[in-house]
Amino acid sequence: MSRIKVVYKVTWPNGKIYVGGDLTDSIAYSGSPARASIEADFPTREARRSMSVSREILWGSESATDKEVRSVERELIVRLRANNPAIGYNRRPKLSDRRD
């Protein structure tokens, strides 16, 4: 099986999202979302007891360079507004760095 590089979206139970890139084709990889923000959104043991998180592949390529994957990842973070704390858990690019 050939490796495919992907950009994916993780959706948390509160509807917030995280957009990430996976260069390794690993089913278990889910990026580096803003941990403190997630913990703040699910502060109680009860809120953390049982939850489902979904991962959706938004884009994939067998031939893209790592640089191309990161470019698509950034584009989708901005387009989906995943770097807006009210919408998502991405912290880069910063909102002030956005190029719309």
N, C-alpha and C. Protein backbone atom coordinates (compact mmCIF):
# COMPACT_ATOMS: atom_id res chain seq x y z
N MET A 1 0.85 -1.17 0.00
CA MET A 1 0.00 0.00 0.00
C MET A 1 0.90 1.24 0.00
N SER A 2 0.64 2.16 -0.90
CA SER A 2 1.45 3.38 -0.95
C SER A 2 0.99 4.36 0.12
N ARG A 3 1.93 5.16 0.58
CA ARG A 3 1.61 6.17 1.59
C ARG A 3 0.95 7.37 0.94
N ILE A 4 -0.03 7.88 1.62
CA ILE A 4 -0.69 9.10 1.17
C ILE A 4 -0.53 10.14 2.27
N LYS A 5 -0.20 11.33 1.88
CA LYS A 5 -0.12 12.44 2.83
C LYS A 5 -1.48 13.10 2.84
N VAL A 6 -1.97 13.46 4.03
CA VAL A 6 -3.32 13.99 4.14
C VAL A 6 -3.39 15.24 4.99
N VAL A 7 -4.45 15.99 4.78
CA VAL A 7 -4.85 17.06 5.68
C VAL A 7 -6.23 16.64 6.18
N TYR A 8 -6.41 16.68 7.48
CA TYR A 8 -7.63 16.16 8.10
C TYR A 8 -8.24 17.20 9.03
N LYS A 9 -9.49 16.95 9.39
CA LYS A 9 -10.20 17.78 10.37
C LYS A 9 -10.71 16.87 11.47
N VAL A 10 -10.38 17.24 12.71
CA VAL A 10 -10.90 16.54 13.88
C VAL A 10 -12.01 17.42 14.45
N THR A 11 -13.17 16.82 14.72
CA THR A 11 -14.29 17.54 15.31
C THR A 11 -14.54 16.97 16.70
N TRP A 12 -14.53 17.86 17.69
CA TRP A 12 -14.75 17.49 19.09
C TRP A 12 -16.24 17.55 19.40
N PRO A 13 -16.68 16.95 20.51
CA PRO A 13 -18.11 16.92 20.85
C PRO A 13 -18.77 18.30 20.97
N ASN A 14 -17.99 19.33 21.26
CA ASN A 14 -18.56 20.67 21.37
C ASN A 14 -18.64 21.37 20.02
N GLY A 15 -18.26 20.68 18.94
CA GLY A 15 -18.33 21.23 17.60
C GLY A 15 -17.07 21.96 17.15
N LYS A 16 -16.14 22.18 18.08
CA LYS A 16 -14.90 22.84 17.70
C LYS A 16 -14.04 21.88 16.88
N ILE A 17 -13.18 22.46 16.04
CA ILE A 17 -12.39 21.65 15.12
C ILE A 17 -10.89 21.89 15.28
N TYR A 18 -10.15 20.94 14.76
CA TYR A 18 -8.70 21.06 14.65
C TYR A 18 -8.34 20.55 13.26
N VAL A 19 -7.57 21.33 12.51
CA VAL A 19 -7.12 20.92 11.19
C VAL A 19 -5.63 20.61 11.27
N GLY A 20 -5.24 19.47 10.74
CA GLY A 20 -3.85 19.07 10.80
C GLY A 20 -3.41 18.33 9.55
N GLY A 21 -2.12 18.18 9.42
CA GLY A 21 -1.54 17.43 8.32
C GLY A 21 -0.85 16.19 8.85
N ASP A 22 -0.93 15.11 8.08
CA ASP A 22 -0.29 13.86 8.46
C ASP A 22 0.60 13.42 7.30
N LEU A 23 1.90 13.44 7.52
CA LEU A 23 2.87 13.07 6.49
C LEU A 23 3.23 11.59 6.55
N THR A 24 2.70 10.87 7.54
CA THR A 24 3.11 9.49 7.80
C THR A 24 2.06 8.45 7.48
N ASP A 25 0.86 8.86 7.13
CA ASP A 25 -0.24 7.93 6.84
C ASP A 25 -0.60 7.08 8.06
N SER A 26 -0.55 7.70 9.24
CA SER A 26 -0.83 6.98 10.48
C SER A 26 -2.28 7.21 10.92
N ILE A 27 -3.01 6.15 11.09
CA ILE A 27 -4.41 6.24 11.54
C ILE A 27 -4.49 6.80 12.96
N ALA A 28 -3.46 6.62 13.74
CA ALA A 28 -3.48 7.04 15.14
C ALA A 28 -3.06 8.49 15.35
N TYR A 29 -2.49 9.12 14.34
CA TYR A 29 -1.99 10.49 14.52
C TYR A 29 -3.14 11.48 14.49
N SER A 30 -3.17 12.38 15.47
CA SER A 30 -4.23 13.40 15.48
C SER A 30 -3.69 14.78 15.80
N GLY A 31 -2.43 15.03 15.50
CA GLY A 31 -1.87 16.36 15.59
C GLY A 31 -1.57 16.86 16.98
N SER A 32 -1.48 18.18 17.06
CA SER A 32 -1.15 18.85 18.32
C SER A 32 -2.12 19.99 18.59
N PRO A 33 -3.37 19.67 18.84
CA PRO A 33 -4.32 20.75 19.13
C PRO A 33 -3.96 21.45 20.44
N ALA A 34 -4.53 22.61 20.65
CA ALA A 34 -4.27 23.41 21.85
C ALA A 34 -4.81 22.69 23.09
N ARG A 35 -3.95 21.93 23.74
CA ARG A 35 -4.34 21.08 24.86
C ARG A 35 -5.04 21.85 25.97
N ALA A 36 -4.49 22.99 26.37
CA ALA A 36 -5.08 23.77 27.46
C ALA A 36 -6.49 24.23 27.10
N SER A 37 -6.71 24.56 25.85
CA SER A 37 -8.05 24.99 25.42
C SER A 37 -9.05 23.84 25.46
N ILE A 38 -8.61 22.67 25.05
CA ILE A 38 -9.50 21.50 25.11
C ILE A 38 -9.82 21.17 26.56
N GLU A 39 -8.81 21.18 27.42
CA GLU A 39 -9.04 20.90 28.84
C GLU A 39 -10.00 21.91 29.45
N ALA A 40 -9.90 23.18 29.04
CA ALA A 40 -10.81 24.21 29.56
C ALA A 40 -12.24 23.99 29.07
N ASP A 41 -12.38 23.48 27.85
CA ASP A 41 -13.72 23.23 27.30
C ASP A 41 -14.38 21.99 27.90
N PHE A 42 -13.59 21.08 28.44
CA PHE A 42 -14.10 19.87 29.07
C PHE A 42 -13.50 19.76 30.47
N PRO A 43 -13.91 20.66 31.38
CA PRO A 43 -13.22 20.80 32.67
C PRO A 43 -13.54 19.73 33.71
N THR A 44 -14.67 19.08 33.60
CA THR A 44 -15.06 18.14 34.66
C THR A 44 -14.80 16.69 34.25
N ARG A 45 -14.67 15.85 35.24
CA ARG A 45 -14.50 14.41 34.99
C ARG A 45 -15.71 13.89 34.22
N GLU A 46 -16.89 14.38 34.56
CA GLU A 46 -18.11 13.94 33.86
C GLU A 46 -18.05 14.31 32.38
N ALA A 47 -17.59 15.51 32.07
CA ALA A 47 -17.49 15.95 30.68
C ALA A 47 -16.49 15.10 29.89
N ARG A 48 -15.52 14.52 30.60
CA ARG A 48 -14.48 13.73 29.94
C ARG A 48 -14.74 12.23 29.98
N ARG A 49 -15.79 11.84 30.68
CA ARG A 49 -16.05 10.41 30.90
C ARG A 49 -16.24 9.64 29.60
N SER A 50 -17.03 10.17 28.70
CA SER A 50 -17.30 9.49 27.44
C SER A 50 -17.51 10.53 26.35
N MET A 51 -16.68 10.46 25.33
CA MET A 51 -16.84 11.40 24.21
C MET A 51 -16.37 10.74 22.93
N SER A 52 -16.96 11.18 21.85
CA SER A 52 -16.56 10.71 20.52
C SER A 52 -15.98 11.89 19.75
N VAL A 53 -14.85 11.64 19.13
CA VAL A 53 -14.17 12.63 18.31
C VAL A 53 -14.09 12.04 16.91
N SER A 54 -14.41 12.84 15.89
CA SER A 54 -14.34 12.31 14.53
C SER A 54 -13.16 12.92 13.79
N ARG A 55 -12.60 12.15 12.87
CA ARG A 55 -11.48 12.59 12.04
C ARG A 55 -11.89 12.39 10.59
N GLU A 56 -11.86 13.46 9.83
CA GLU A 56 -12.28 13.44 8.42
C GLU A 56 -11.11 13.88 7.55
N ILE A 57 -10.81 13.12 6.51
CA ILE A 57 -9.77 13.49 5.56
C ILE A 57 -10.35 14.55 4.62
N LEU A 58 -9.72 15.72 4.60
CA LEU A 58 -10.17 16.81 3.74
C LEU A 58 -9.43 16.84 2.41
N TRP A 59 -8.20 16.34 2.39
CA TRP A 59 -7.35 16.39 1.21
C TRP A 59 -6.28 15.33 1.33
N GLY A 60 -5.88 14.74 0.23
CA GLY A 60 -4.82 13.76 0.25
C GLY A 60 -4.06 13.71 -1.05
N SER A 61 -2.80 13.27 -0.97
CA SER A 61 -1.96 13.17 -2.15
C SER A 61 -0.88 12.13 -1.93
N GLU A 62 -0.61 11.35 -2.97
CA GLU A 62 0.50 10.39 -2.94
C GLU A 62 1.79 11.04 -3.42
N SER A 63 1.70 12.21 -4.07
CA SER A 63 2.89 12.81 -4.68
C SER A 63 3.28 14.18 -4.12
N ALA A 64 2.49 14.74 -3.24
CA ALA A 64 2.78 16.08 -2.71
C ALA A 64 4.04 16.06 -1.86
N THR A 65 4.74 17.17 -1.90
CA THR A 65 5.89 17.34 -1.00
C THR A 65 5.37 17.71 0.38
N ASP A 66 6.23 17.59 1.38
CA ASP A 66 5.85 17.98 2.73
C ASP A 66 5.46 19.45 2.75
N LYS A 67 6.19 20.27 2.00
CA LYS A 67 5.89 21.70 1.93
C LYS A 67 4.50 21.95 1.35
N GLU A 68 4.12 21.20 0.33
CA GLU A 68 2.78 21.35 -0.26
C GLU A 68 1.70 20.95 0.74
N VAL A 69 1.94 19.90 1.49
CA VAL A 69 0.96 19.46 2.50
C VAL A 69 0.78 20.56 3.55
N ARG A 70 1.88 21.12 4.01
CA ARG A 70 1.79 22.19 5.02
C ARG A 70 1.07 23.42 4.47
N SER A 71 1.26 23.70 3.19
CA SER A 71 0.58 24.83 2.56
C SER A 71 -0.92 24.61 2.50
N VAL A 72 -1.34 23.40 2.12
CA VAL A 72 -2.77 23.07 2.08
C VAL A 72 -3.34 23.09 3.50
N GLU A 73 -2.59 22.58 4.45
CA GLU A 73 -3.03 22.58 5.85
C GLU A 73 -3.30 24.02 6.31
N ARG A 74 -2.36 24.90 6.07
CA ARG A 74 -2.52 26.31 6.47
C ARG A 74 -3.73 26.93 5.78
N GLU A 75 -3.87 26.67 4.49
CA GLU A 75 -5.01 27.21 3.73
C GLU A 75 -6.34 26.76 4.34
N LEU A 76 -6.43 25.49 4.70
CA LEU A 76 -7.68 24.97 5.26
C LEU A 76 -7.92 25.46 6.68
N ILE A 77 -6.85 25.64 7.46
CA ILE A 77 -7.01 26.21 8.80
C ILE A 77 -7.65 27.59 8.69
N VAL A 78 -7.15 28.40 7.78
CA VAL A 78 -7.67 29.75 7.60
C VAL A 78 -9.08 29.72 7.02
N ARG A 79 -9.30 28.91 5.98
CA ARG A 79 -10.62 28.85 5.34
C ARG A 79 -11.70 28.38 6.31
N LEU A 80 -11.39 27.38 7.12
CA LEU A 80 -12.37 26.84 8.07
C LEU A 80 -12.39 27.61 9.39
N ARG A 81 -11.47 28.57 9.52
CA ARG A 81 -11.36 29.41 10.71
C ARG A 81 -11.04 28.60 11.97
N ALA A 82 -10.30 27.53 11.78
CA ALA A 82 -9.92 26.66 12.89
C ALA A 82 -8.97 27.35 13.86
N ASN A 83 -8.39 28.48 13.46
CA ASN A 83 -7.50 29.23 14.34
C ASN A 83 -8.24 30.31 15.13
N ASN A 84 -9.54 30.35 15.00
CA ASN A 84 -10.38 31.25 15.80
C ASN A 84 -10.77 30.46 17.06
N PRO A 85 -10.38 30.89 18.24
CA PRO A 85 -10.65 30.12 19.47
C PRO A 85 -12.14 29.78 19.68
N ALA A 86 -13.04 30.53 19.10
CA ALA A 86 -14.46 30.22 19.23
C ALA A 86 -14.87 29.06 18.32
N ILE A 87 -14.03 28.73 17.35
CA ILE A 87 -14.35 27.72 16.34
C ILE A 87 -13.44 26.50 16.41
N GLY A 88 -12.16 26.72 16.74
CA GLY A 88 -11.24 25.61 16.66
C GLY A 88 -10.08 25.67 17.63
N TYR A 89 -9.26 24.62 17.56
CA TYR A 89 -8.14 24.45 18.47
C TYR A 89 -6.77 24.68 17.81
N ASN A 90 -6.75 25.17 16.58
CA ASN A 90 -5.48 25.54 15.96
C ASN A 90 -5.05 26.90 16.50
N ARG A 91 -3.78 27.06 16.77
CA ARG A 91 -3.28 28.35 17.25
C ARG A 91 -2.37 29.03 16.23
N ARG A 92 -2.07 28.33 15.16
CA ARG A 92 -1.27 28.89 14.06
C ARG A 92 -1.97 28.59 12.76
N PRO A 93 -1.99 29.50 11.81
CA PRO A 93 -1.47 30.85 11.96
C PRO A 93 -2.34 31.66 12.91
N LYS A 94 -1.73 32.61 13.60
CA LYS A 94 -2.50 33.47 14.50
C LYS A 94 -3.51 34.26 13.68
N LEU A 95 -4.62 34.60 14.31
CA LEU A 95 -5.66 35.34 13.60
C LEU A 95 -5.11 36.60 12.96
N SER A 96 -4.19 37.29 13.61
CA SER A 96 -3.64 38.51 13.04
C SER A 96 -2.74 38.25 11.84
N ASP A 97 -2.30 36.97 11.68
CA ASP A 97 -1.45 36.60 10.56
C ASP A 97 -2.25 36.16 9.34
N ARG A 98 -3.56 36.10 9.46
CA ARG A 98 -4.40 35.58 8.38
C ARG A 98 -4.26 36.39 7.11
N ARG A 99 -4.24 35.67 6.01
CA ARG A 99 -4.19 36.31 4.69
C ARG A 99 -5.42 35.87 3.91
N ASP A 100 -6.51 36.61 4.05
CA ASP A 100 -7.76 36.23 3.35
C ASP A 100 -7.80 36.79 1.96
